[in-house]
C-alpha atoms as a PDB file:
ATOM      1  CA  MET A   1      51.346  -6.187  29.760  1.00  0.00           C
ATOM      2  CA  ASN A   2      52.344  -2.913  29.494  1.00  0.00           C
ATOM      3  CA  ARG A   3      52.359  -1.611  33.293  1.00  0.00           C
ATOM      4  CA  MET A   4      53.056   1.987  34.807  1.00  0.00           C
ATOM      5  CA  VAL A   5      54.578   2.641  38.266  1.00  0.00           C
ATOM      6  CA  ALA A   6      53.600   5.739  40.179  1.00  0.00           C
ATOM      7  CA  ALA A   7      55.829   6.911  42.705  1.00  0.00           C
ATOM      8  CA  LEU A   8      55.955   9.710  44.889  1.00  0.00           C
ATOM      9  CA  LEU A   9      59.384  11.444  45.812  1.00  0.00           C
ATOM     10  CA  VAL A  10      59.046  12.410  49.527  1.00  0.00           C
ATOM     11  CA  SER A  11      61.995  14.592  50.723  1.00  0.00           C
ATOM     12  CA  ALA A  12      61.537  17.663  52.667  1.00  0.00           C
ATOM     13  CA  GLY A  13      57.852  18.199  51.908  1.00  0.00           C
ATOM     14  CA  ALA A  14      58.326  18.140  48.320  1.00  0.00           C
ATOM     15  CA  VAL A  15      56.663  15.474  45.797  1.00  0.00           C
ATOM     16  CA  ALA A  16      58.330  14.510  42.717  1.00  0.00           C
ATOM     17  CA  VAL A  17      57.070  11.761  40.011  1.00  0.00           C
ATOM     18  CA  LEU A  18      59.157   9.211  38.684  1.00  0.00           C
ATOM     19  CA  GLY A  19      60.437   9.715  35.127  1.00  0.00           C
ATOM     20  CA  ALA A  20      60.727   7.176  32.431  1.00  0.00           C
ATOM     21  CA  CYS A  21      63.808   5.553  33.363  1.00  0.00           C
ATOM     22  CA  GLY A  22      62.808   4.757  36.872  1.00  0.00           C
ATOM     23  CA  THR A  23      64.624   7.246  38.958  1.00  0.00           C
ATOM     24  CA  THR A  24      63.443  10.640  40.401  1.00  0.00           C
ATOM     25  CA  THR A  25      63.950  13.879  38.730  1.00  0.00           C
ATOM     26  CA  THR A  26      65.858  15.010  41.601  1.00  0.00           C
ATOM     27  CA  GLY A  27      67.731  11.752  42.117  1.00  0.00           C
ATOM     28  CA  THR A  28      66.488  11.409  45.489  1.00  0.00           C
ATOM     29  CA  PRO A  29      65.036   7.846  46.889  1.00  0.00           C
ATOM     30  CA  VAL A  30      61.268   7.273  46.124  1.00  0.00           C
ATOM     31  CA  THR A  31      58.484   5.529  47.780  1.00  0.00           C
ATOM     32  CA  VAL A  32      56.079   3.354  45.528  1.00  0.00           C
ATOM     33  CA  VAL A  33      52.459   4.167  46.428  1.00  0.00           C
ATOM     34  CA  ARG A  34      50.294   2.001  43.748  1.00  0.00           C
ATOM     35  CA  GLU A  35      50.784   0.536  40.648  1.00  0.00           C
ATOM     36  CA  ILE A  36      48.621   1.761  37.842  1.00  0.00           C
ATOM     37  CA  VAL A  37      47.029  -1.011  35.637  1.00  0.00           C
ATOM     38  CA  PRO A  38      45.962   0.254  32.390  1.00  0.00           C
ATOM     39  CA  PRO A  39      42.390  -1.191  31.786  1.00  0.00           C
ATOM     40  CA  SER A  40      41.900  -4.128  29.791  1.00  0.00           C
ATOM     41  CA  THR A  41      40.245  -4.566  26.605  1.00  0.00           C
ATOM     42  CA  THR A  42      37.511  -7.059  25.820  1.00  0.00           C
ATOM     43  CA  THR A  43      36.354  -7.744  22.186  1.00  0.00           C
ATOM     44  CA  ALA A  44      32.770  -8.592  22.269  1.00  0.00           C
ATOM     45  CA  VAL A  45      31.086  -9.940  19.278  1.00  0.00           C
ATOM     46  CA  VAL A  46      27.517  -8.776  18.796  1.00  0.00           C
ATOM     47  CA  ALA A  47      25.612 -11.177  16.394  1.00  0.00           C
ATOM     48  CA  PRO A  48      23.010  -9.241  14.293  1.00  0.00           C
ATOM     49  CA  PRO A  49      19.647  -9.615  15.251  1.00  0.00           C
ATOM     50  CA  THR A  50      17.599 -12.332  13.635  1.00  0.00           C
ATOM     51  CA  THR A  51      15.454 -11.591  10.938  1.00  0.00           C
ATOM     52  CA  SER A  52      11.817 -12.981  10.469  1.00  0.00           C
ATOM     53  CA  VAL A  53       9.721 -12.636   7.301  1.00  0.00           C
ATOM     54  CA  VAL A  54       6.147 -11.303   7.482  1.00  0.00           C
ATOM     55  CA  VAL A  55       3.809 -12.356   4.808  1.00  0.00           C
ATOM     56  CA  VAL A  56       0.929  -9.805   4.583  1.00  0.00           C
ATOM     57  CA  GLU A  57      -1.897 -10.945   2.636  1.00  0.00           C
ATOM     58  CA  PRO A  58      -3.485  -7.991   0.153  1.00  0.00           C
ATOM     59  CA  PRO A  59      -6.537  -7.306   1.683  1.00  0.00           C
ATOM     60  CA  VAL A  60      -9.479  -9.031   0.208  1.00  0.00           C
ATOM     61  CA  THR A  61     -12.471  -7.366  -1.459  1.00  0.00           C
ATOM     62  CA  VAL A  62     -16.007  -8.649  -0.411  1.00  0.00           C
ATOM     63  CA  THR A  63     -18.580  -7.862  -2.831  1.00  0.00           C
ATOM     64  CA  ARG A  64     -22.240  -8.558  -2.377  1.00  0.00           C
ATOM     65  CA  ALA A  65     -23.863 -10.570  -4.930  1.00  0.00           C
ATOM     66  CA  PRO A  66     -26.779  -8.590  -6.446  1.00  0.00           C
ATOM     67  CA  SER A  67     -30.063  -8.894  -4.532  1.00  0.00           C
ATOM     68  CA  LEU A  68     -32.453 -11.189  -6.199  1.00  0.00           C
ATOM     69  CA  THR A  69     -35.936 -10.149  -6.996  1.00  0.00           C
ATOM     70  CA  SER A  70     -38.863 -11.865  -5.277  1.00  0.00           C
ATOM     71  CA  CYS A  71     -39.537 -13.853  -8.703  1.00  0.00           C
ATOM     72  CA  GLN A  72     -35.810 -14.533  -9.091  1.00  0.00           C
ATOM     73  CA  ARG A  73     -35.446 -16.086  -5.554  1.00  0.00           C
ATOM     74  CA  LEU A  74     -38.610 -18.184  -6.041  1.00  0.00           C
ATOM     75  CA  PHE A  75     -37.178 -19.593  -9.345  1.00  0.00           C
ATOM     76  CA  ALA A  76     -33.713 -20.137  -8.029  1.00  0.00           C
ATOM     77  CA  ASP A  77     -35.399 -22.152  -5.027  1.00  0.00           C
ATOM     78  CA  GLY A  78     -37.320 -24.386  -7.717  1.00  0.00           C
ATOM     79  CA  PHE A  79     -40.651 -23.220  -6.941  1.00  0.00           C
ATOM     80  CA  SER A  80     -43.049 -23.726  -9.771  1.00  0.00           C
ATOM     81  CA  TYR A  81     -44.729 -20.449 -11.683  1.00  0.00           C
ATOM     82  CA  VAL A  82     -48.133 -21.608 -10.108  1.00  0.00           C
ATOM     83  CA  TYR A  83     -46.710 -21.392  -6.651  1.00  0.00           C
ATOM     84  CA  ALA A  84     -44.942 -18.115  -7.731  1.00  0.00           C
ATOM     85  CA  TYR A  85     -48.397 -16.723  -9.211  1.00  0.00           C
ATOM     86  CA  ASN A  86     -50.284 -17.531  -5.991  1.00  0.00           C
ATOM     87  CA  SER A  87     -47.350 -15.831  -4.047  1.00  0.00           C
ATOM     88  CA  TRP A  88     -47.992 -12.851  -6.229  1.00  0.00           C
ATOM     89  CA  VAL A  89     -51.659 -12.789  -5.665  1.00  0.00           C
ATOM     90  CA  ASN A  90     -51.423 -13.139  -1.671  1.00  0.00           C
ATOM     91  CA  ALA A  91     -48.831 -10.545  -1.632  1.00  0.00           C
ATOM     92  CA  GLY A  92     -51.314  -7.901  -3.265  1.00  0.00           C
ATOM     93  CA  ARG A  93     -50.263  -8.110  -6.712  1.00  0.00           C
ATOM     94  CA  PRO A  94     -47.356  -5.914  -6.423  1.00  0.00           C
ATOM     95  CA  LEU A  95     -46.288  -4.171  -9.630  1.00  0.00           C
ATOM     96  CA  SER A  96     -42.580  -4.866  -9.195  1.00  0.00           C
ATOM     97  CA  TRP A  97     -43.551  -8.859  -9.785  1.00  0.00           C
ATOM     98  CA  ASP A  98     -45.064  -7.975 -12.998  1.00  0.00           C
ATOM     99  CA  ALA A  99     -42.611  -5.928 -15.432  1.00  0.00           C
ATOM    100  CA  ASP A 100     -44.662  -5.707 -18.142  1.00  0.00           C
ATOM    101  CA  ARG A 101     -48.214  -5.061 -16.439  1.00  0.00           C
ATOM    102  CA  ASP A 102     -49.832  -7.797 -18.361  1.00  0.00           C
ATOM    103  CA  GLY A 103     -51.249  -9.670 -15.458  1.00  0.00           C
ATOM    104  CA  TYR A 104     -48.628 -12.379 -15.319  1.00  0.00           C
ATOM    105  CA  PRO A 105     -45.884 -12.251 -12.770  1.00  0.00           C
ATOM    106  CA  CYS A 106     -42.328 -13.599 -13.005  1.00  0.00           C
ATOM    107  CA  GLU A 107     -41.946 -13.761 -16.753  1.00  0.00           C
ATOM    108  CA  GLN A 108     -38.538 -12.399 -16.742  1.00  0.00           C
ATOM    109  CA  SER A 109     -37.712 -15.736 -14.447  1.00  0.00           C
ATOM    110  CA  TYR A 110     -40.383 -18.223 -15.662  1.00  0.00           C
ATOM    111  CA  GLY A 111     -40.665 -17.141 -19.200  1.00  0.00           C
ATOM    112  CA  ASN A 112     -43.531 -15.492 -21.163  1.00  0.00           C
ATOM    113  CA  ARG A 113     -46.882 -16.856 -20.050  1.00  0.00           C
ATOM    114  CA  ASN A 114     -49.358 -15.070 -22.466  1.00  0.00           C
END
């Protein structure tokens, strides 16, 4: 270990510092005040931060199924044409159920009835 010694020369109020050879610059006796030790160096090994993988799923587009007409809903639910006809009459014979206006509803779902 490389050490340096600081010393003060005390003679008649004058102060001198030791030279490299261990003698004062004026050749008078010296008093050692303290020893200066250079700071020690430490090598620290720092590990890189851990990496994590984040998988982001692409957004999902939700589309609504096309809405069904009353006739399509009745047909899809398994109701007979007679039931659909009676439902049309009970609903006040709406024009939206009879596309060709011939008095027979739900022909697009159940087929032509006339």
